[in-house]
Amino acid sequence: MFDPSQKLAIYMEGALDNDSGKMGFGLMRFSKHPIVCVIDSKYKNQSVQKAVGLPYEIPVVGSVEEAIAEQAEIMVLGIAPSGGRFPAEWDTPIAYALSHGLSLINGLHDDLNARFGHLLTTNSIWDVRKPQHAYPIATGKAATLPNKRILMIGTDMAAGKMTAGLELYAALKQKEIRTGFVPTGQIGITLMGNGIPLDAIKVDQAAGAVEQAVMEEANKDIVIIEGQGSLAHPGSTATLPLIRGAQPTHFILCHKAAYSYLRYPVSHIPIPPLDDFIQLNEAVATVCGSQQAAKTIGIALNTVGLDETTAKAKIEEIVQLTGLPTTDVVRFGVEELVDAIEKC
């Protein structure tokens, strides 16, 4: 959508130090664009590393005006508020950015071209979560493909599915294996420049949208499908159309090691035992043997919040429980999971 040489400012007001900033964190890790600053007035005049301990020497500024002074060309909404809705208090900073020539990448559900299009001159707005008009109904035809289709599944929202998937994709590409990546959420679409905004697609067409995207990767030997939501979450409907549309041959389970319960606002619900949860996802995939069987081949553990000793002990505990290769792909690397993919 945009030239990767263009400079980004990531708008993260009030979100640099919490999970709602996951869009911004994903861009910091994977974006091909140079990132000139992050906007969060709470931490202005610091770096991201100094402010929140993440390994990025990106300066933090306190306003859009300061971002423009840093020669930003595109502003990205790096925050994913609950429900993906655009807060009214963002009207002023976004209008200022657009009227001063910045382009905008919007990963929220709202159509910001409709809301702010009158402010555009030579700049533009990319509404990432804008689906195509209609998608076909899924027929299960992805099961006819001879490739490996690996769906990232999670025990909860924000468990690291996108990050683990992109790390695996990059590692497999580095080994010169023909690998595709199917983005299904706003971060993956923004990074890859294509994909399907799964949570913005009519529920009856969601599996068909996934199937269409997977079929477009038919010439790849391995296809990594970005996961969304969780079968364990009462508010999530995303995993089932991913399974039906992708007809995955394999799963990689993503889990946040420090959590025993789902995240707020459903933190009264316990996360199921991982071995039982693996069996549930595999049973849903095969539908009593009538559809493509999917085998779980590894676990991508997100050990944020744990010290290194505790993280390694947690990994060993999960290996003993499940018998599956387990690693934190950010902290300890992807090699074990890449090996599992190559051997399956």
Protein backbone atom coordinates (compact mmCIF):
# COMPACT_ATOMS: atom_id res chain seq x y z
CA MET A 1 0.00 0.00 0.00
CA PHE A 2 2.83 2.40 0.88
CA ASP A 3 6.48 2.61 -0.18
CA PRO A 4 8.52 0.79 2.52
CA SER A 5 11.04 3.65 2.52
CA GLN A 6 8.42 6.00 3.98
CA LYS A 7 8.93 6.87 7.64
CA LEU A 8 6.44 5.78 10.29
CA ALA A 9 5.24 7.32 13.53
CA ILE A 10 3.28 4.89 15.70
CA TYR A 11 0.42 6.46 17.66
CA MET A 12 0.30 4.68 21.04
CA GLU A 13 -1.07 7.30 23.41
CA GLY A 14 -1.76 5.54 26.73
CA ALA A 15 -0.87 2.10 25.32
CA LEU A 16 2.91 1.79 25.22
CA ASP A 17 2.93 -0.04 28.55
CA ASN A 18 -0.01 -2.43 28.09
CA ASP A 19 -1.45 -5.15 25.83
CA SER A 20 -3.71 -2.76 23.90
CA GLY A 21 -0.57 -1.57 22.09
CA LYS A 22 -0.07 -4.89 20.31
CA MET A 23 -0.42 -3.33 16.83
CA GLY A 24 2.47 -0.99 17.64
CA PHE A 25 4.58 -3.75 19.16
CA GLY A 26 4.12 -5.88 16.06
CA LEU A 27 5.26 -3.04 13.83
CA MET A 28 8.31 -2.35 15.98
CA ARG A 29 9.38 -5.96 15.59
CA PHE A 30 8.53 -6.66 11.96
CA SER A 31 7.90 -3.49 9.94
CA LYS A 32 10.03 -2.88 6.85
CA HIS A 33 9.42 0.87 7.21
CA PRO A 34 11.85 3.02 9.20
CA ILE A 35 10.13 4.00 12.47
CA VAL A 36 11.13 7.51 13.51
CA CYS A 37 9.11 7.71 16.74
CA VAL A 38 6.34 6.41 18.95
CA ILE A 39 3.72 8.84 20.29
CA ASP A 40 2.82 8.44 23.97
CA SER A 41 2.96 11.56 26.14
CA LYS A 42 3.44 9.53 29.34
CA TYR A 43 6.93 8.49 28.20
CA LYS A 44 8.01 11.42 26.02
CA ASN A 45 11.73 12.15 25.75
CA GLN A 46 12.59 8.50 26.46
CA SER A 47 13.30 5.58 24.14
CA VAL A 48 10.95 2.60 23.94
CA GLN A 49 13.66 0.52 25.59
CA LYS A 50 14.04 2.92 28.51
CA ALA A 51 10.29 3.41 28.88
CA VAL A 52 9.04 -0.18 28.83
CA GLY A 53 12.10 -2.42 28.46
CA LEU A 54 11.49 -3.58 24.88
CA PRO A 55 14.67 -3.81 22.78
CA TYR A 56 13.98 -0.82 20.52
CA GLU A 57 15.91 2.45 20.59
CA ILE A 58 12.95 4.26 19.04
CA PRO A 59 12.37 7.75 20.50
CA VAL A 60 9.06 8.43 22.25
CA VAL A 61 7.46 11.82 21.62
CA GLY A 62 4.49 13.45 23.26
CA SER A 63 2.42 14.70 20.31
CA VAL A 64 1.68 14.49 16.61
CA GLU A 65 3.43 17.85 16.17
CA GLU A 66 6.64 16.33 17.50
CA ALA A 67 6.23 13.31 15.21
CA ILE A 68 6.03 15.65 12.22
CA ALA A 69 9.19 17.36 13.44
CA GLU A 70 10.84 13.90 13.36
CA GLN A 71 9.96 13.82 9.63
CA ALA A 72 7.31 11.11 9.90
CA GLU A 73 5.39 10.56 6.66
CA ILE A 74 2.83 7.99 7.80
CA MET A 75 1.11 7.66 11.17
CA VAL A 76 -0.04 4.19 12.21
CA LEU A 77 -2.72 3.66 14.85
CA GLY A 78 -0.73 1.29 17.05
CA ILE A 79 -3.53 0.70 19.55
CA ALA A 80 -6.20 -1.99 19.45
CA PRO A 81 -8.96 -0.76 21.80
CA SER A 82 -11.53 -3.24 23.04
CA GLY A 83 -13.93 -4.00 20.20
CA GLY A 84 -11.69 -2.31 17.63
CA ARG A 85 -13.69 0.93 17.75
CA PHE A 86 -12.26 4.40 17.13
CA PRO A 87 -12.39 6.53 20.33
CA ALA A 88 -13.83 10.03 19.95
CA GLU A 89 -10.86 11.55 21.80
CA TRP A 90 -8.62 10.63 18.88
CA ASP A 91 -10.46 13.00 16.53
CA THR A 92 -8.20 15.97 17.24
CA PRO A 93 -4.76 14.32 16.90
CA ILE A 94 -5.81 12.33 13.81
CA ALA A 95 -7.33 15.38 12.13
CA TYR A 96 -4.15 17.34 12.89
CA ALA A 97 -1.95 14.61 11.40
CA LEU A 98 -3.99 14.35 8.20
CA SER A 99 -4.37 18.10 7.71
CA HIS A 100 -0.58 18.44 8.04
CA GLY A 101 0.13 15.92 5.28
CA LEU A 102 0.65 12.64 7.13
CA SER A 103 -0.90 9.52 5.65
CA LEU A 104 -2.65 7.12 8.04
CA ILE A 105 -2.75 3.36 8.53
CA ASN A 106 -5.89 2.42 10.43
CA GLY A 107 -6.32 -1.09 11.79
CA LEU A 108 -9.63 -0.41 13.54
CA HIS A 109 -13.10 -1.35 12.31
CA ASP A 110 -14.19 2.24 11.61
CA ASP A 111 -13.96 3.58 8.05
CA LEU A 112 -11.67 6.58 8.56
CA ASN A 113 -11.75 7.51 4.88
CA ALA A 114 -15.43 8.28 5.42
CA ARG A 115 -14.69 10.14 8.65
CA PHE A 116 -11.61 12.14 7.65
CA GLY A 117 -11.40 11.90 3.86
CA HIS A 118 -12.22 15.59 3.46
CA LEU A 119 -8.86 16.44 5.06
CA LEU A 120 -6.77 14.57 2.49
CA THR A 121 -4.70 16.28 -0.20
CA THR A 122 -1.84 14.19 -1.59
CA ASN A 123 -1.86 11.92 1.48
CA SER A 124 -4.11 8.90 2.01
CA ILE A 125 -5.77 6.63 4.57
CA TRP A 126 -5.45 2.84 4.44
CA ASP A 127 -8.39 1.25 6.27
CA VAL A 128 -6.79 -2.15 6.83
CA ARG A 129 -9.90 -3.90 8.11
CA LYS A 130 -11.98 -3.19 5.01
CA PRO A 131 -13.04 -6.56 3.53
CA GLN A 132 -13.90 -7.16 -0.11
CA HIS A 133 -17.59 -6.95 -0.99
CA ALA A 134 -18.22 -10.73 -0.81
CA TYR A 135 -16.37 -14.02 -0.44
CA PRO A 136 -17.28 -17.52 -1.63
CA ILE A 137 -18.75 -20.11 0.73
CA ALA A 138 -16.10 -22.61 1.83
CA THR A 139 -16.19 -26.11 0.35
CA GLY A 140 -13.22 -27.73 2.09
CA LYS A 141 -11.16 -27.74 -1.11
CA ALA A 142 -7.98 -26.61 0.70
CA ALA A 143 -7.77 -30.23 1.89
CA THR A 144 -6.89 -31.23 -1.68
CA LEU A 145 -3.62 -29.28 -1.61
CA PRO A 146 -0.44 -31.36 -1.19
CA ASN A 147 1.33 -28.78 0.99
CA LYS A 148 1.65 -28.40 4.75
CA ARG A 149 -0.84 -25.90 6.15
CA ILE A 150 0.06 -24.83 9.66
CA LEU A 151 -2.52 -22.91 11.66
CA MET A 152 -1.42 -20.98 14.73
CA ILE A 153 -4.02 -21.60 17.45
CA GLY A 154 -4.20 -20.04 20.91
CA THR A 155 -5.42 -20.65 24.41
CA ASP A 156 -6.56 -17.01 24.52
CA MET A 157 -6.62 -13.73 22.64
CA ALA A 158 -3.24 -11.96 22.34
CA ALA A 159 -1.30 -15.15 23.07
CA GLY A 160 1.38 -14.48 20.45
CA LYS A 161 -0.11 -16.24 17.41
CA MET A 162 0.86 -13.55 14.91
CA THR A 163 4.36 -13.05 16.31
CA ALA A 164 5.14 -16.78 16.41
CA GLY A 165 3.73 -17.25 12.92
CA LEU A 166 5.81 -14.45 11.43
CA GLU A 167 8.96 -15.67 13.17
CA LEU A 168 8.42 -19.14 11.71
CA TYR A 169 7.66 -17.69 8.27
CA ALA A 170 10.88 -15.66 8.30
CA ALA A 171 12.97 -18.62 9.49
CA LEU A 172 11.56 -20.97 6.84
CA LYS A 173 12.10 -18.36 4.11
CA GLN A 174 15.67 -17.96 5.32
CA LYS A 175 16.15 -21.68 4.68
CA GLU A 176 14.88 -21.13 1.12
CA ILE A 177 11.77 -23.22 1.71
CA ARG A 178 8.82 -22.08 -0.41
CA THR A 179 6.67 -20.65 2.35
CA GLY A 180 3.50 -18.56 2.34
CA PHE A 181 1.92 -16.53 5.12
CA VAL A 182 -1.82 -15.81 5.30
CA PRO A 183 -2.49 -12.70 7.41
CA THR A 184 -5.92 -12.65 9.03
CA GLY A 185 -5.72 -9.62 11.34
CA GLN A 186 -4.84 -5.96 11.13
CA ILE A 187 -1.20 -6.33 12.18
CA GLY A 188 -0.38 -9.12 9.76
CA ILE A 189 -2.17 -7.35 6.90
CA THR A 190 -0.33 -4.10 7.62
CA LEU A 191 3.03 -5.87 7.67
CA MET A 192 2.48 -8.07 4.61
CA GLY A 193 0.43 -5.63 2.54
CA ASN A 194 -2.30 -8.23 1.88
CA GLY A 195 -4.57 -10.67 3.68
CA ILE A 196 -8.11 -10.93 5.04
CA PRO A 197 -9.58 -8.92 7.95
CA LEU A 198 -11.30 -11.98 9.38
CA ASP A 199 -13.22 -10.25 12.15
CA ALA A 200 -14.75 -7.79 9.67
CA ILE A 201 -16.14 -10.49 7.35
CA LYS A 202 -19.72 -11.80 7.49
CA VAL A 203 -19.71 -14.97 9.56
CA ASP A 204 -21.17 -17.11 6.76
CA GLN A 205 -18.36 -16.03 4.43
CA ALA A 206 -15.48 -16.16 6.93
CA ALA A 207 -14.41 -19.74 6.19
CA GLY A 208 -14.68 -19.03 2.47
CA ALA A 209 -12.42 -15.98 2.82
CA VAL A 210 -9.82 -18.13 4.59
CA GLU A 211 -10.15 -20.87 1.97
CA GLN A 212 -9.68 -18.36 -0.86
CA ALA A 213 -6.54 -16.91 0.77
CA VAL A 214 -5.06 -20.37 1.41
CA MET A 215 -5.78 -21.50 -2.16
CA GLU A 216 -3.86 -18.47 -3.41
CA GLU A 217 -0.79 -19.98 -1.69
CA ALA A 218 -1.24 -23.36 -3.41
CA ASN A 219 2.22 -23.19 -4.99
CA LYS A 220 3.95 -23.01 -1.60
CA ASP A 221 5.32 -26.07 0.18
CA ILE A 222 4.40 -24.69 3.60
CA VAL A 223 1.67 -22.16 4.42
CA ILE A 224 1.55 -20.47 7.82
CA ILE A 225 -1.95 -19.22 8.66
CA GLU A 226 -2.16 -16.44 11.24
CA GLY A 227 -4.49 -17.51 14.04
CA GLN A 228 -7.20 -15.44 15.71
CA GLY A 229 -9.08 -15.87 18.96
CA SER A 230 -9.45 -19.19 20.75
CA LEU A 231 -11.94 -22.02 21.09
CA ALA A 232 -11.59 -21.46 24.84
CA HIS A 233 -12.83 -17.86 24.72
CA PRO A 234 -16.59 -17.24 25.01
CA GLY A 235 -16.35 -14.07 22.91
CA SER A 236 -14.39 -15.54 20.00
CA THR A 237 -15.82 -16.93 16.77
CA ALA A 238 -12.59 -16.81 14.73
CA THR A 239 -10.93 -20.20 15.21
CA LEU A 240 -13.64 -22.33 13.60
CA PRO A 241 -13.67 -20.55 10.20
CA LEU A 242 -9.87 -20.67 10.22
CA ILE A 243 -9.97 -24.44 10.70
CA ARG A 244 -12.74 -25.01 8.15
CA GLY A 245 -11.28 -22.69 5.52
CA ALA A 246 -7.60 -23.64 5.85
CA GLN A 247 -8.17 -27.37 6.38
CA PRO A 248 -4.87 -27.34 8.31
CA THR A 249 -2.59 -30.33 8.32
CA HIS A 250 -0.89 -29.17 11.51
CA PHE A 251 -1.35 -26.85 14.48
CA ILE A 252 1.11 -24.90 16.59
CA LEU A 253 -0.40 -23.98 19.93
CA CYS A 254 0.35 -20.51 21.34
CA HIS A 255 0.04 -19.89 25.06
CA LYS A 256 0.91 -17.10 27.48
CA ALA A 257 2.88 -18.91 30.19
CA ALA A 258 2.16 -16.50 33.04
CA TYR A 259 -1.63 -16.91 32.72
CA SER A 260 -3.85 -19.60 34.22
CA TYR A 261 -7.07 -17.73 33.41
CA LEU A 262 -8.29 -15.91 30.31
CA ARG A 263 -7.54 -12.21 30.14
CA TYR A 264 -9.98 -9.51 31.33
CA PRO A 265 -12.97 -9.23 30.95
CA VAL A 266 -13.36 -13.03 31.12
CA SER A 267 -10.68 -13.60 33.75
CA HIS A 268 -13.06 -15.79 35.76
CA ILE A 269 -12.65 -18.54 33.14
CA PRO A 270 -9.68 -20.89 33.58
CA ILE A 271 -7.47 -21.83 30.64
CA PRO A 272 -7.93 -25.57 30.03
CA PRO A 273 -5.03 -27.99 30.61
CA LEU A 274 -2.88 -27.78 27.49
CA ASP A 275 -2.98 -31.49 26.71
CA ASP A 276 -6.79 -31.50 26.87
CA PHE A 277 -7.00 -28.31 24.81
CA ILE A 278 -4.78 -29.80 22.12
CA GLN A 279 -7.13 -32.78 21.87
CA LEU A 280 -10.13 -30.42 21.60
CA ASN A 281 -8.68 -28.47 18.66
CA GLU A 282 -7.65 -31.65 16.87
CA ALA A 283 -11.12 -33.16 17.41
CA VAL A 284 -12.81 -30.02 16.04
CA ALA A 285 -10.58 -30.15 12.95
CA THR A 286 -11.26 -33.76 12.00
CA VAL A 287 -15.01 -33.75 12.83
CA CYS A 288 -15.19 -37.43 13.80
CA GLY A 289 -12.89 -38.36 10.93
CA SER A 290 -14.93 -36.70 8.18
CA GLN A 291 -12.53 -33.82 7.46
CA GLN A 292 -8.79 -33.09 7.31
CA ALA A 293 -6.98 -34.29 10.44
CA ALA A 294 -4.62 -31.73 11.99
CA LYS A 295 -1.84 -32.77 14.35
CA THR A 296 -0.35 -30.38 16.90
CA ILE A 297 3.42 -30.40 16.35
CA GLY A 298 4.70 -27.81 18.81
CA ILE A 299 3.98 -25.09 21.33
CA ALA A 300 4.99 -21.43 21.03
CA LEU A 301 5.13 -20.20 24.60
CA ASN A 302 4.94 -16.49 25.37
CA THR A 303 6.98 -16.08 28.58
CA VAL A 304 6.53 -12.32 29.02
CA GLY A 305 6.48 -11.51 32.74
CA LEU A 306 8.63 -14.50 33.74
CA ASP A 307 12.33 -14.37 34.54
CA GLU A 308 14.58 -16.61 32.46
CA THR A 309 14.86 -19.38 35.05
CA THR A 310 11.08 -19.53 35.54
CA ALA A 311 10.52 -19.38 31.77
CA LYS A 312 12.82 -22.34 31.13
CA ALA A 313 11.18 -24.31 33.96
CA LYS A 314 7.75 -23.60 32.46
CA ILE A 315 8.93 -24.80 29.05
CA GLU A 316 10.21 -28.05 30.57
CA GLU A 317 6.93 -28.52 32.47
CA ILE A 318 4.95 -28.20 29.24
CA VAL A 319 7.28 -30.55 27.36
CA GLN A 320 6.72 -33.14 30.09
CA LEU A 321 2.94 -32.63 29.95
CA THR A 322 2.48 -32.66 26.17
CA GLY A 323 5.57 -34.38 24.77
CA LEU A 324 5.83 -31.57 22.21
CA PRO A 325 8.74 -29.26 21.34
CA THR A 326 8.17 -26.01 23.19
CA THR A 327 9.95 -22.67 23.03
CA ASP A 328 9.49 -18.93 23.34
CA VAL A 329 10.31 -17.94 19.75
CA VAL A 330 11.25 -14.38 20.71
CA ARG A 331 13.32 -15.21 23.76
CA PHE A 332 14.91 -18.55 22.83
CA GLY A 333 14.54 -18.81 19.04
CA VAL A 334 12.44 -20.78 16.56
CA GLU A 335 14.77 -23.69 15.75
CA GLU A 336 12.84 -26.38 17.63
CA LEU A 337 9.57 -25.47 15.92
CA VAL A 338 11.19 -25.15 12.50
CA ASP A 339 12.64 -28.65 12.96
CA ALA A 340 9.20 -29.93 13.93
CA ILE A 341 7.67 -28.42 10.77
CA GLU A 342 10.35 -29.88 8.51
CA LYS A 343 9.96 -33.35 10.04
CA CYS A 344 6.15 -33.53 10.05
